[in-house]
Amino acid sequence: MSHENEIAVGDLVKWFETYADINIVRDYGSGTVVRTQKVTDPYDPYGTIRYWVFCHKLGDTKWFVKPYIEKHEKGEQNDFQQ
C-alpha cells in the first residue's frame, strides 16, 4: 500500500540541517533522494527510514531522517534556490 506523501527514491525533497545542541535550522535546500534505508535498534523495534539525498545547493550527498526531510509537493514553488 502506497501513501501519497511517502518519500521514495527519485523524489524531489526539501532538507533541513539543525545545530547539534539546539533545534535551530542551520542550513536548508532542495535535493533528490538517491537511496533509502530502514534502520532498527533494540530501543526502537519499529525502526526508522533514513534517506540518502543529493543536496543541489551543496553538490554533495547526506543522510536525513524525518522531520528533517519533506517531500516537495507538485506545483510548490522552490524557495531554496540561492
N, C-alpha and C. Protein backbone atom coordinates (compact mmCIF):
# COMPACT_ATOMS: atom_id res chain seq x y z
N MET A 1 0.85 -1.17 0.00
CA MET A 1 0.00 0.00 0.00
C MET A 1 0.90 1.24 0.00
N SER A 2 0.65 2.13 -0.92
CA SER A 2 1.47 3.33 -1.06
C SER A 2 0.69 4.55 -0.59
N HIS A 3 1.32 5.36 0.23
CA HIS A 3 0.71 6.61 0.66
C HIS A 3 1.23 7.73 -0.22
N GLU A 4 0.41 8.71 -0.48
CA GLU A 4 0.77 9.78 -1.39
C GLU A 4 1.95 10.62 -0.89
N ASN A 5 2.09 10.78 0.42
CA ASN A 5 3.18 11.62 0.93
C ASN A 5 4.42 10.84 1.34
N GLU A 6 4.50 9.55 0.98
CA GLU A 6 5.70 8.77 1.25
C GLU A 6 6.83 9.26 0.37
N ILE A 7 8.03 9.23 0.90
CA ILE A 7 9.20 9.66 0.15
C ILE A 7 9.84 8.42 -0.47
N ALA A 8 10.15 8.50 -1.76
CA ALA A 8 10.73 7.37 -2.48
C ALA A 8 11.97 7.84 -3.24
N VAL A 9 12.77 6.88 -3.69
CA VAL A 9 13.95 7.18 -4.49
C VAL A 9 13.51 7.95 -5.74
N GLY A 10 14.23 9.03 -6.04
CA GLY A 10 13.93 9.86 -7.19
C GLY A 10 13.06 11.06 -6.88
N ASP A 11 12.49 11.12 -5.67
CA ASP A 11 11.63 12.25 -5.30
C ASP A 11 12.44 13.51 -5.05
N LEU A 12 11.84 14.64 -5.39
CA LEU A 12 12.39 15.94 -5.05
C LEU A 12 11.96 16.25 -3.62
N VAL A 13 12.91 16.61 -2.77
CA VAL A 13 12.61 16.85 -1.35
C VAL A 13 13.20 18.17 -0.88
N LYS A 14 12.72 18.62 0.27
CA LYS A 14 13.30 19.75 1.00
C LYS A 14 14.03 19.16 2.20
N TRP A 15 15.25 19.57 2.43
CA TRP A 15 16.01 19.07 3.57
C TRP A 15 16.40 20.23 4.48
N PHE A 16 16.61 19.90 5.76
CA PHE A 16 16.94 20.89 6.78
C PHE A 16 18.03 20.32 7.67
N GLU A 17 19.05 21.12 7.97
CA GLU A 17 20.07 20.75 8.95
C GLU A 17 19.93 21.67 10.14
N THR A 18 20.05 21.11 11.35
CA THR A 18 19.96 21.91 12.56
C THR A 18 21.29 21.83 13.31
N TYR A 19 21.48 22.78 14.21
CA TYR A 19 22.64 22.73 15.10
C TYR A 19 22.50 21.53 16.03
N ALA A 20 23.61 20.94 16.43
CA ALA A 20 23.59 19.72 17.23
C ALA A 20 23.01 19.94 18.62
N ASP A 21 23.23 21.10 19.21
CA ASP A 21 22.82 21.31 20.59
C ASP A 21 21.48 22.04 20.74
N ILE A 22 20.89 22.51 19.64
CA ILE A 22 19.62 23.24 19.72
C ILE A 22 18.89 23.06 18.38
N ASN A 23 17.58 23.03 18.45
CA ASN A 23 16.79 22.74 17.26
C ASN A 23 16.51 24.03 16.45
N ILE A 24 17.59 24.64 15.96
CA ILE A 24 17.50 25.82 15.11
C ILE A 24 18.09 25.45 13.76
N VAL A 25 17.40 25.81 12.67
CA VAL A 25 17.86 25.46 11.33
C VAL A 25 19.15 26.19 11.00
N ARG A 26 20.14 25.40 10.61
CA ARG A 26 21.46 25.93 10.25
C ARG A 26 21.58 26.09 8.74
N ASP A 27 20.99 25.14 7.99
CA ASP A 27 21.06 25.17 6.53
C ASP A 27 19.86 24.41 5.99
N TYR A 28 19.48 24.70 4.75
CA TYR A 28 18.34 24.04 4.13
C TYR A 28 18.49 24.11 2.62
N GLY A 29 17.72 23.30 1.93
CA GLY A 29 17.77 23.32 0.47
C GLY A 29 16.89 22.25 -0.12
N SER A 30 17.03 22.07 -1.41
CA SER A 30 16.28 21.02 -2.10
C SER A 30 17.25 19.93 -2.52
N GLY A 31 16.71 18.75 -2.78
CA GLY A 31 17.56 17.64 -3.17
C GLY A 31 16.76 16.52 -3.79
N THR A 32 17.46 15.50 -4.22
CA THR A 32 16.85 14.33 -4.83
C THR A 32 17.25 13.11 -4.02
N VAL A 33 16.25 12.28 -3.68
CA VAL A 33 16.52 11.07 -2.91
C VAL A 33 17.23 10.05 -3.80
N VAL A 34 18.39 9.59 -3.34
CA VAL A 34 19.20 8.64 -4.09
C VAL A 34 18.98 7.22 -3.57
N ARG A 35 18.75 7.10 -2.26
CA ARG A 35 18.64 5.78 -1.64
C ARG A 35 17.87 5.89 -0.35
N THR A 36 17.16 4.83 0.03
CA THR A 36 16.51 4.77 1.34
C THR A 36 17.04 3.55 2.09
N GLN A 37 17.01 3.64 3.42
CA GLN A 37 17.49 2.53 4.24
C GLN A 37 16.69 2.48 5.53
N LYS A 38 16.17 1.29 5.86
CA LYS A 38 15.46 1.12 7.12
C LYS A 38 16.49 0.79 8.20
N VAL A 39 16.39 1.51 9.31
CA VAL A 39 17.34 1.35 10.41
C VAL A 39 16.56 0.93 11.65
N THR A 40 17.01 -0.12 12.32
CA THR A 40 16.37 -0.58 13.56
C THR A 40 17.42 -0.70 14.65
N ASP A 41 16.96 -0.65 15.88
CA ASP A 41 17.82 -0.89 17.03
C ASP A 41 16.96 -1.48 18.14
N PRO A 42 17.57 -2.03 19.18
CA PRO A 42 16.79 -2.68 20.24
C PRO A 42 15.81 -1.74 20.95
N TYR A 43 16.06 -0.44 20.93
CA TYR A 43 15.20 0.51 21.62
C TYR A 43 14.07 1.04 20.75
N ASP A 44 14.14 0.76 19.47
CA ASP A 44 13.11 1.21 18.53
C ASP A 44 12.74 0.05 17.62
N PRO A 45 11.87 -0.84 18.07
CA PRO A 45 11.56 -2.05 17.29
C PRO A 45 10.89 -1.75 15.95
N TYR A 46 10.25 -0.60 15.80
CA TYR A 46 9.61 -0.27 14.53
C TYR A 46 10.59 0.33 13.53
N GLY A 47 11.69 0.85 14.02
CA GLY A 47 12.72 1.40 13.17
C GLY A 47 12.34 2.73 12.57
N THR A 48 13.23 3.23 11.78
CA THR A 48 13.01 4.48 11.06
C THR A 48 13.62 4.35 9.68
N ILE A 49 13.23 5.21 8.80
CA ILE A 49 13.80 5.19 7.45
C ILE A 49 14.67 6.42 7.30
N ARG A 50 15.88 6.21 6.81
CA ARG A 50 16.74 7.35 6.52
C ARG A 50 16.91 7.44 5.01
N TYR A 51 17.20 8.66 4.57
CA TYR A 51 17.22 8.96 3.14
C TYR A 51 18.57 9.55 2.74
N TRP A 52 19.21 8.96 1.74
CA TRP A 52 20.47 9.45 1.20
C TRP A 52 20.09 10.42 0.10
N VAL A 53 20.37 11.71 0.31
CA VAL A 53 19.87 12.78 -0.56
C VAL A 53 21.03 13.51 -1.22
N PHE A 54 20.91 13.71 -2.55
CA PHE A 54 21.85 14.58 -3.25
C PHE A 54 21.33 16.00 -3.05
N CYS A 55 22.08 16.81 -2.32
CA CYS A 55 21.69 18.19 -2.00
C CYS A 55 22.15 19.09 -3.13
N HIS A 56 21.20 19.68 -3.86
CA HIS A 56 21.53 20.51 -5.02
C HIS A 56 22.42 21.69 -4.64
N LYS A 57 22.10 22.34 -3.55
CA LYS A 57 22.84 23.52 -3.11
C LYS A 57 24.30 23.20 -2.77
N LEU A 58 24.51 22.04 -2.14
CA LEU A 58 25.84 21.66 -1.68
C LEU A 58 26.64 20.89 -2.73
N GLY A 59 25.92 20.27 -3.67
CA GLY A 59 26.59 19.43 -4.66
C GLY A 59 27.16 18.17 -4.04
N ASP A 60 26.53 17.71 -2.97
CA ASP A 60 27.02 16.57 -2.20
C ASP A 60 25.84 15.76 -1.69
N THR A 61 26.11 14.55 -1.18
CA THR A 61 25.05 13.71 -0.63
C THR A 61 25.17 13.64 0.88
N LYS A 62 24.00 13.54 1.54
CA LYS A 62 23.95 13.43 3.01
C LYS A 62 22.76 12.57 3.40
N TRP A 63 22.82 12.00 4.61
CA TRP A 63 21.71 11.24 5.17
C TRP A 63 20.78 12.18 5.92
N PHE A 64 19.46 11.96 5.78
CA PHE A 64 18.44 12.71 6.51
C PHE A 64 17.36 11.75 6.99
N VAL A 65 16.73 12.09 8.10
CA VAL A 65 15.56 11.38 8.60
C VAL A 65 14.45 12.40 8.82
N LYS A 66 13.22 11.90 8.87
CA LYS A 66 12.11 12.80 9.19
C LYS A 66 12.28 13.25 10.63
N PRO A 67 12.02 14.44 11.00
CA PRO A 67 11.33 15.52 10.32
C PRO A 67 12.25 16.47 9.56
N TYR A 68 13.50 16.07 9.30
CA TYR A 68 14.46 16.96 8.65
C TYR A 68 14.45 16.82 7.13
N ILE A 69 13.42 16.15 6.63
CA ILE A 69 13.24 15.99 5.20
C ILE A 69 11.74 15.97 4.92
N GLU A 70 11.33 16.66 3.87
CA GLU A 70 9.93 16.71 3.48
C GLU A 70 9.83 16.54 1.98
N LYS A 71 8.78 15.88 1.53
CA LYS A 71 8.56 15.72 0.10
C LYS A 71 8.15 17.06 -0.50
N HIS A 72 8.76 17.42 -1.60
CA HIS A 72 8.43 18.65 -2.31
C HIS A 72 7.14 18.38 -3.07
N GLU A 73 6.09 19.11 -2.76
CA GLU A 73 4.79 18.86 -3.38
C GLU A 73 4.74 19.39 -4.81
N LYS A 74 4.02 18.68 -5.65
CA LYS A 74 3.86 19.06 -7.06
C LYS A 74 3.25 20.46 -7.15
N GLY A 75 3.85 21.32 -7.92
CA GLY A 75 3.36 22.68 -8.09
C GLY A 75 3.86 23.65 -7.05
N GLU A 76 4.53 23.15 -6.01
CA GLU A 76 5.06 24.01 -4.94
C GLU A 76 6.29 24.76 -5.46
N GLN A 77 6.37 26.03 -5.17
CA GLN A 77 7.49 26.83 -5.61
C GLN A 77 8.73 26.48 -4.80
N ASN A 78 9.85 26.42 -5.46
CA ASN A 78 11.12 26.10 -4.80
C ASN A 78 11.74 27.41 -4.32
N ASP A 79 11.61 27.69 -3.03
CA ASP A 79 12.16 28.91 -2.44
C ASP A 79 13.61 28.74 -1.99
N PHE A 80 14.21 27.58 -2.25
CA PHE A 80 15.52 27.29 -1.74
C PHE A 80 16.64 27.68 -2.67
N GLN A 81 16.34 28.09 -3.88
CA GLN A 81 17.40 28.48 -4.81
C GLN A 81 18.06 29.76 -4.32
N GLN A 82 19.36 29.79 -4.31
CA GLN A 82 20.09 30.99 -3.87
C GLN A 82 21.08 31.43 -4.89
